[in-house]
Amino acid sequence: MTAVTATTIPPVGEQAPSRPRVIVERRDRGDHLFHGVITLGSLVVLAIMAAVGLFLFLQAAQALRSTGVSFLTTSAWQPDRGEFGIAAVMTGTIAIAIVAVGIALPVSMGTALFVTEIAPVRLRSTCVALVDLMAAVPSVVYGLWGLFLLQGHTVGLARWLSTWLSWVPIFRVPGADPNNPLASSSSYTASTFIAGIVVAMMVMPIQCAVMREVFSQVPSGESEGAYALGATRWGMIRIVSIPFGRAGIIGGTMLGLGRALGETIAVLLIISPRFDINLHVLEAGGNSVSSLIALRYNEASGFGLSALMAAGLALFAMTLVVNFTASIFIARSRSGASSEA
């Protein structure tokens, strides 16, 4: 039973009551049951997350005690010799995720704006269904598509980027001559760039779904007011829709970033493993934490398994922080806080 106070306005000529009238809200058995179920569900989710984190920490304790802080700064991965760390694989993980989000963001945002603001009603439902269907495709299918189809058609683009943007360090390919058309294309295959394109295809539906939901909540009064003042459709989108959905755009982008950080099979199929810090995204070779775990799990010894668990713990913590931050931005966008400026 919950007591709610409310102030009533008396009729004309009557004196207002000295205290607010108390309205009693009664909950029946169904309300209590529903409240208990959702509370239990929330506690179970929190308990599972805590159990996963605790399990990873206990399994990784041996490796973390052995290396200490150097676990975060060492690039080599030779646990049996006592030389291992996640500097290289974590750098590769972040590089692949940044490439993926950088490619997926404009496409996801453009698709969400097209569906909510431009597309006819019949075409809108078709576009939504196709985008949502992309999220149901298994990651191994994306990986095989990237390995056998995309990789061969991306070499020319990688060579072009290396030729004209080699003054940007990340687009430089050491040891390769982009001006020589007869040069081997192996320097541009199995790269962070190709893996990032494939992962971008996988995170696009998540980002688009969040942005589409936020853009659909744009107040119609503000849109109509922009049109009444002479704004074009693009002008209305620029001054109304995008500012209103700014928090949702950021939240959807970070949610996609969290998804990209943990991708395993597609990256494992495409990229060529290497254990040095490689910031040249067009160069062959790279690594990620999740693909390292999948590649070395079966052959790992007891101590090597503890090292892999430590790498998984680092990825778990980073992904948790990214997703938690994304949820804050998405909650702000749903509450309309992003429109306050």
Protein backbone atom coordinates (compact mmCIF):
# COMPACT_ATOMS: atom_id res chain seq x y z
CA MET A 1 0.00 0.00 0.00
CA THR A 2 1.46 3.33 -1.05
CA ALA A 3 0.22 6.70 0.13
CA VAL A 4 0.30 9.52 -2.44
CA THR A 5 -0.45 13.12 -1.52
CA ALA A 6 -2.35 15.39 -3.89
CA THR A 7 -3.61 18.95 -3.62
CA THR A 8 -7.20 19.57 -4.75
CA ILE A 9 -8.50 22.94 -5.97
CA PRO A 10 -11.65 23.87 -3.99
CA PRO A 11 -14.75 25.32 -5.68
CA VAL A 12 -15.13 29.07 -5.83
CA GLY A 13 -16.12 30.51 -2.47
CA GLU A 14 -14.92 27.58 -0.38
CA GLN A 15 -11.84 27.61 1.80
CA ALA A 16 -8.87 25.49 0.74
CA PRO A 17 -8.12 22.48 2.96
CA SER A 18 -5.35 22.91 5.52
CA ARG A 19 -3.52 19.73 4.38
CA PRO A 20 -3.28 17.94 1.02
CA ARG A 21 -5.77 15.15 0.49
CA VAL A 22 -4.21 11.69 0.80
CA ILE A 23 -4.87 9.32 -2.09
CA VAL A 24 -4.27 5.67 -1.24
CA GLU A 25 -3.01 3.47 -4.08
CA ARG A 26 -3.73 -0.19 -3.43
CA ARG A 27 -1.76 -2.98 -5.10
CA ASP A 28 -3.40 -6.29 -5.75
CA ARG A 29 -1.69 -9.67 -5.78
CA GLY A 30 -0.78 -9.38 -9.46
CA ASP A 31 1.06 -6.09 -8.88
CA HIS A 32 3.09 -7.57 -6.04
CA LEU A 33 3.89 -10.64 -8.11
CA PHE A 34 5.00 -8.58 -11.10
CA HIS A 35 7.14 -6.33 -8.90
CA GLY A 36 8.77 -9.34 -7.27
CA VAL A 37 9.49 -11.04 -10.61
CA ILE A 38 11.18 -8.02 -12.20
CA THR A 39 13.14 -7.34 -9.02
CA LEU A 40 14.33 -10.95 -8.92
CA GLY A 41 15.25 -10.80 -12.60
CA SER A 42 17.35 -7.68 -12.05
CA LEU A 43 19.13 -9.25 -9.10
CA VAL A 44 19.83 -12.42 -11.10
CA VAL A 45 21.41 -10.41 -13.92
CA LEU A 46 23.61 -8.52 -11.46
CA ALA A 47 24.55 -11.78 -9.73
CA ILE A 48 25.54 -13.39 -13.04
CA MET A 49 27.71 -10.42 -14.00
CA ALA A 50 29.37 -10.47 -10.59
CA ALA A 51 29.89 -14.23 -10.79
CA VAL A 52 31.54 -13.95 -14.22
CA GLY A 53 33.86 -11.21 -13.02
CA LEU A 54 34.74 -13.12 -9.85
CA PHE A 55 35.39 -16.32 -11.81
CA LEU A 56 37.72 -14.56 -14.25
CA PHE A 57 39.55 -12.83 -11.40
CA LEU A 58 40.10 -16.06 -9.45
CA GLN A 59 41.27 -17.91 -12.55
CA ALA A 60 43.58 -15.04 -13.55
CA ALA A 61 45.06 -14.50 -10.08
CA GLN A 62 48.06 -16.77 -10.67
CA ALA A 63 49.09 -15.00 -13.87
CA LEU A 64 48.46 -11.54 -12.43
CA ARG A 65 50.59 -12.28 -9.35
CA SER A 66 53.40 -13.48 -11.61
CA THR A 67 53.54 -10.43 -13.89
CA GLY A 68 52.00 -7.56 -11.98
CA VAL A 69 51.71 -4.27 -13.83
CA SER A 70 53.90 -5.52 -16.69
CA PHE A 71 50.91 -7.55 -17.85
CA LEU A 72 49.51 -4.32 -19.29
CA THR A 73 52.75 -3.20 -20.95
CA THR A 74 54.26 -6.41 -22.37
CA SER A 75 53.56 -7.32 -26.02
CA ALA A 76 54.96 -10.85 -26.21
CA TRP A 77 52.77 -13.86 -25.47
CA GLN A 78 54.88 -16.72 -24.13
CA PRO A 79 53.31 -17.67 -20.78
CA ASP A 80 55.43 -20.79 -20.35
CA ARG A 81 58.56 -18.60 -20.41
CA GLY A 82 57.07 -15.99 -18.13
CA GLU A 83 56.86 -13.34 -20.89
CA PHE A 84 53.30 -12.36 -21.66
CA GLY A 85 51.09 -9.31 -21.69
CA ILE A 86 48.15 -7.71 -23.46
CA ALA A 87 49.74 -4.52 -24.80
CA ALA A 88 49.79 -5.77 -28.40
CA VAL A 89 46.47 -7.65 -28.40
CA MET A 90 44.63 -4.88 -26.57
CA THR A 91 46.00 -2.31 -29.02
CA GLY A 92 44.80 -4.49 -31.89
CA THR A 93 41.40 -4.94 -30.27
CA ILE A 94 40.92 -1.19 -29.88
CA ALA A 95 42.20 -0.52 -33.42
CA ILE A 96 39.74 -2.98 -34.99
CA ALA A 97 36.88 -1.56 -32.91
CA ILE A 98 37.71 2.05 -33.86
CA VAL A 99 37.91 1.18 -37.57
CA ALA A 100 34.59 -0.67 -37.32
CA VAL A 101 32.80 2.15 -35.50
CA GLY A 102 34.29 4.78 -37.81
CA ILE A 103 32.86 2.95 -40.82
CA ALA A 104 29.55 1.94 -39.24
CA LEU A 105 28.66 5.29 -37.64
CA PRO A 106 27.86 7.36 -40.77
CA VAL A 107 26.08 4.43 -42.44
CA SER A 108 24.01 3.65 -39.33
CA MET A 109 23.14 7.28 -38.72
CA GLY A 110 22.21 7.86 -42.37
CA THR A 111 20.05 4.73 -42.43
CA ALA A 112 18.29 5.71 -39.19
CA LEU A 113 17.56 9.22 -40.51
CA PHE A 114 16.35 7.84 -43.84
CA VAL A 115 13.98 5.41 -42.16
CA THR A 116 12.52 7.90 -39.69
CA GLU A 117 12.46 11.11 -41.75
CA ILE A 118 12.55 10.38 -45.48
CA ALA A 119 11.44 6.86 -46.43
CA PRO A 120 7.78 6.23 -47.38
CA VAL A 121 5.77 4.07 -45.00
CA ARG A 122 5.92 0.94 -47.17
CA LEU A 123 9.65 1.23 -47.80
CA ARG A 124 10.27 2.04 -44.14
CA SER A 125 9.10 -1.32 -42.87
CA THR A 126 11.17 -3.13 -45.50
CA CYS A 127 14.34 -1.23 -44.56
CA VAL A 128 13.79 -1.89 -40.86
CA ALA A 129 13.31 -5.60 -41.51
CA LEU A 130 16.47 -5.83 -43.63
CA VAL A 131 18.61 -3.98 -41.09
CA ASP A 132 17.28 -6.09 -38.23
CA LEU A 133 17.91 -9.22 -40.29
CA MET A 134 21.60 -8.33 -40.49
CA ALA A 135 21.84 -8.79 -36.72
CA ALA A 136 20.61 -12.38 -37.06
CA VAL A 137 23.39 -13.45 -39.44
CA PRO A 138 25.99 -15.60 -37.59
CA SER A 139 29.41 -14.04 -37.13
CA VAL A 140 31.10 -16.96 -38.87
CA VAL A 141 29.16 -16.10 -42.04
CA TYR A 142 30.47 -12.54 -41.89
CA GLY A 143 33.96 -13.91 -41.33
CA LEU A 144 33.80 -16.23 -44.34
CA TRP A 145 32.37 -13.41 -46.47
CA GLY A 146 35.24 -11.16 -45.46
CA LEU A 147 37.85 -13.87 -45.99
CA PHE A 148 36.81 -15.14 -49.43
CA LEU A 149 35.05 -12.14 -51.00
CA LEU A 150 35.79 -8.84 -49.29
CA GLN A 151 39.52 -9.33 -48.80
CA GLY A 152 40.28 -9.73 -52.50
CA HIS A 153 38.23 -6.67 -53.45
CA THR A 154 39.66 -4.48 -50.69
CA VAL A 155 43.32 -4.77 -51.67
CA GLY A 156 42.91 -2.08 -54.34
CA LEU A 157 41.30 0.30 -51.85
CA ALA A 158 44.03 -0.37 -49.29
CA ARG A 159 46.72 0.27 -51.90
CA TRP A 160 45.00 3.52 -52.93
CA LEU A 161 44.77 4.70 -49.32
CA SER A 162 48.41 3.84 -48.77
CA THR A 163 49.41 5.74 -51.93
CA TRP A 164 47.57 8.99 -51.29
CA LEU A 165 47.32 9.04 -47.49
CA SER A 166 50.70 7.58 -46.55
CA TRP A 167 51.53 10.92 -44.89
CA VAL A 168 49.04 9.79 -42.18
CA PRO A 169 50.96 7.29 -40.01
CA ILE A 170 48.09 4.83 -39.63
CA PHE A 171 47.73 4.48 -43.44
CA ARG A 172 51.41 3.86 -44.02
CA VAL A 173 52.51 0.31 -44.89
CA PRO A 174 56.20 -0.18 -44.04
CA GLY A 175 58.18 -2.05 -46.67
CA ALA A 176 55.50 -1.82 -49.36
CA ASP A 177 55.69 0.29 -52.53
CA PRO A 178 52.13 1.42 -53.31
CA ASN A 179 53.29 3.06 -56.57
CA ASN A 180 54.44 -0.28 -58.01
CA PRO A 181 51.40 -2.02 -59.59
CA LEU A 182 53.35 -5.28 -59.81
CA ALA A 183 54.15 -5.34 -56.10
CA SER A 184 52.73 -8.21 -54.09
CA SER A 185 49.33 -7.60 -52.55
CA SER A 186 50.10 -9.77 -49.52
CA SER A 187 51.17 -6.69 -47.58
CA TYR A 188 47.57 -5.44 -47.62
CA THR A 189 45.68 -8.65 -46.81
CA ALA A 190 44.63 -10.01 -43.40
CA SER A 191 44.82 -6.49 -41.99
CA THR A 192 43.12 -4.56 -39.24
CA PHE A 193 41.35 -2.52 -41.91
CA ILE A 194 39.67 -5.55 -43.50
CA ALA A 195 38.71 -6.99 -40.11
CA GLY A 196 37.29 -3.59 -39.15
CA ILE A 197 35.07 -3.50 -42.26
CA VAL A 198 33.63 -6.93 -41.43
CA VAL A 199 33.03 -6.02 -37.79
CA ALA A 200 31.40 -2.76 -38.97
CA MET A 201 28.81 -4.82 -40.83
CA MET A 202 28.07 -6.64 -37.60
CA VAL A 203 27.70 -3.59 -35.33
CA MET A 204 25.70 -1.56 -37.84
CA PRO A 205 22.28 -3.08 -36.91
CA ILE A 206 22.82 -2.35 -33.21
CA GLN A 207 23.78 1.27 -33.78
CA CYS A 208 21.01 1.80 -36.32
CA ALA A 209 18.34 0.35 -34.02
CA VAL A 210 19.28 2.68 -31.14
CA MET A 211 19.50 5.76 -33.36
CA ARG A 212 16.26 4.89 -35.12
CA GLU A 213 14.45 4.70 -31.79
CA VAL A 214 15.86 8.06 -30.68
CA PHE A 215 15.07 9.87 -33.95
CA SER A 216 11.50 8.53 -33.86
CA GLN A 217 10.99 10.42 -30.56
CA VAL A 218 11.71 13.85 -32.06
CA PRO A 219 8.76 16.09 -31.08
CA SER A 220 6.54 16.70 -34.09
CA GLY A 221 5.91 20.26 -32.94
CA GLU A 222 9.56 21.17 -33.26
CA SER A 223 9.80 19.58 -36.71
CA GLU A 224 6.67 21.37 -37.90
CA GLY A 225 7.96 24.62 -36.43
CA ALA A 226 11.19 24.28 -38.40
CA TYR A 227 9.22 23.70 -41.60
CA ALA A 228 6.98 26.68 -40.81
CA LEU A 229 10.05 28.90 -40.53
CA GLY A 230 11.14 27.87 -44.02
CA ALA A 231 13.59 25.09 -43.25
CA THR A 232 14.20 22.41 -45.85
CA ARG A 233 14.06 18.74 -44.92
CA TRP A 234 17.82 18.63 -44.46
CA GLY A 235 17.66 21.87 -42.47
CA MET A 236 15.03 20.37 -40.17
CA ILE A 237 17.16 17.25 -39.69
CA ARG A 238 20.25 19.34 -38.99
CA ILE A 239 18.71 21.76 -36.49
CA VAL A 240 16.07 19.52 -34.87
CA SER A 241 16.58 15.78 -35.29
CA ILE A 242 20.35 15.53 -34.85
CA PRO A 243 20.58 17.84 -31.80
CA PHE A 244 17.64 16.06 -30.16
CA GLY A 245 19.19 12.63 -30.73
CA ARG A 246 22.78 13.56 -29.85
CA ALA A 247 22.86 11.49 -26.67
CA GLY A 248 21.28 8.55 -28.48
CA ILE A 249 23.86 8.80 -31.27
CA ILE A 250 26.67 8.71 -28.75
CA GLY A 251 25.06 5.88 -26.81
CA GLY A 252 24.42 3.80 -29.92
CA THR A 253 27.98 4.38 -31.09
CA MET A 254 29.43 3.25 -27.77
CA LEU A 255 27.10 0.25 -27.69
CA GLY A 256 28.46 -0.71 -31.10
CA LEU A 257 31.97 -0.13 -29.80
CA GLY A 258 31.35 -2.57 -26.96
CA ARG A 259 30.07 -5.13 -29.47
CA ALA A 260 33.11 -4.63 -31.70
CA LEU A 261 35.57 -5.05 -28.83
CA GLY A 262 34.37 -8.58 -28.15
CA GLU A 263 34.03 -9.94 -31.68
CA THR A 264 35.91 -13.24 -32.05
CA ILE A 265 35.23 -15.59 -34.96
CA ALA A 266 35.11 -13.04 -37.78
CA VAL A 267 38.38 -11.44 -36.64
CA LEU A 268 40.02 -14.84 -36.13
CA LEU A 269 39.16 -15.93 -39.67
CA ILE A 270 40.47 -12.78 -41.33
CA ILE A 271 43.41 -11.39 -39.42
CA SER A 272 46.93 -12.84 -39.33
CA PRO A 273 48.12 -13.07 -35.68
CA ARG A 274 51.13 -11.04 -34.60
CA PHE A 275 52.36 -10.02 -31.16
CA ASP A 276 53.76 -6.55 -31.60
CA ILE A 277 52.06 -3.18 -31.39
CA ASN A 278 50.98 -2.40 -34.96
CA LEU A 279 49.32 0.96 -35.55
CA HIS A 280 49.34 0.64 -39.36
CA VAL A 281 45.78 -0.50 -40.05
CA LEU A 282 46.44 -1.33 -43.72
CA GLU A 283 49.40 -3.60 -43.01
CA ALA A 284 48.93 -7.34 -42.87
CA GLY A 285 48.74 -8.82 -39.39
CA GLY A 286 47.19 -7.87 -36.09
CA ASN A 287 45.47 -9.43 -33.13
CA SER A 288 42.67 -9.07 -30.62
CA VAL A 289 42.04 -10.34 -27.13
CA SER A 290 39.05 -12.49 -28.04
CA SER A 291 40.77 -14.10 -31.04
CA LEU A 292 43.86 -14.77 -28.91
CA ILE A 293 41.74 -16.65 -26.37
CA ALA A 294 39.97 -18.65 -29.07
CA LEU A 295 43.27 -19.48 -30.81
CA ARG A 296 45.31 -20.50 -27.76
CA TYR A 297 42.70 -22.00 -25.44
CA ASN A 298 42.98 -25.65 -26.54
CA GLU A 299 46.78 -25.76 -26.40
CA ALA A 300 47.26 -23.73 -23.21
CA SER A 301 48.89 -25.24 -20.13
CA GLY A 302 47.66 -24.54 -16.62
CA PHE A 303 49.60 -21.31 -16.29
CA GLY A 304 48.88 -20.38 -19.92
CA LEU A 305 45.18 -20.81 -19.26
CA SER A 306 45.47 -18.46 -16.29
CA ALA A 307 47.14 -15.91 -18.57
CA LEU A 308 44.28 -16.20 -21.06
CA MET A 309 41.80 -15.69 -18.24
CA ALA A 310 43.67 -12.53 -17.27
CA ALA A 311 43.35 -11.27 -20.83
CA GLY A 312 39.65 -12.11 -20.74
CA LEU A 313 39.28 -10.24 -17.44
CA ALA A 314 40.80 -7.11 -18.99
CA LEU A 315 38.45 -7.34 -21.98
CA PHE A 316 35.48 -7.98 -19.69
CA ALA A 317 36.24 -4.90 -17.62
CA MET A 318 36.74 -2.66 -20.65
CA THR A 319 33.57 -3.88 -22.35
CA LEU A 320 31.58 -3.44 -19.14
CA VAL A 321 32.71 0.17 -18.79
CA VAL A 322 31.91 0.95 -22.44
CA ASN A 323 28.44 -0.64 -22.31
CA PHE A 324 27.61 1.00 -18.97
CA THR A 325 28.55 4.40 -20.36
CA ALA A 326 26.46 3.70 -23.47
CA SER A 327 23.44 2.82 -21.32
CA ILE A 328 23.73 6.18 -19.53
CA PHE A 329 23.66 8.11 -22.81
CA ILE A 330 20.77 6.04 -24.15
CA ALA A 331 18.77 6.59 -20.95
CA ARG A 332 19.36 10.33 -21.25
CA SER A 333 18.13 10.33 -24.84
CA ARG A 334 14.95 8.47 -23.88
CA SER A 335 14.23 10.90 -21.05
CA GLY A 336 14.57 13.86 -23.39
CA ALA A 337 17.61 15.23 -21.59
CA SER A 338 19.49 15.52 -24.86
CA SER A 339 17.07 18.14 -26.10
CA GLU A 340 17.77 20.47 -23.23
CA ALA A 341 20.21 23.06 -24.52
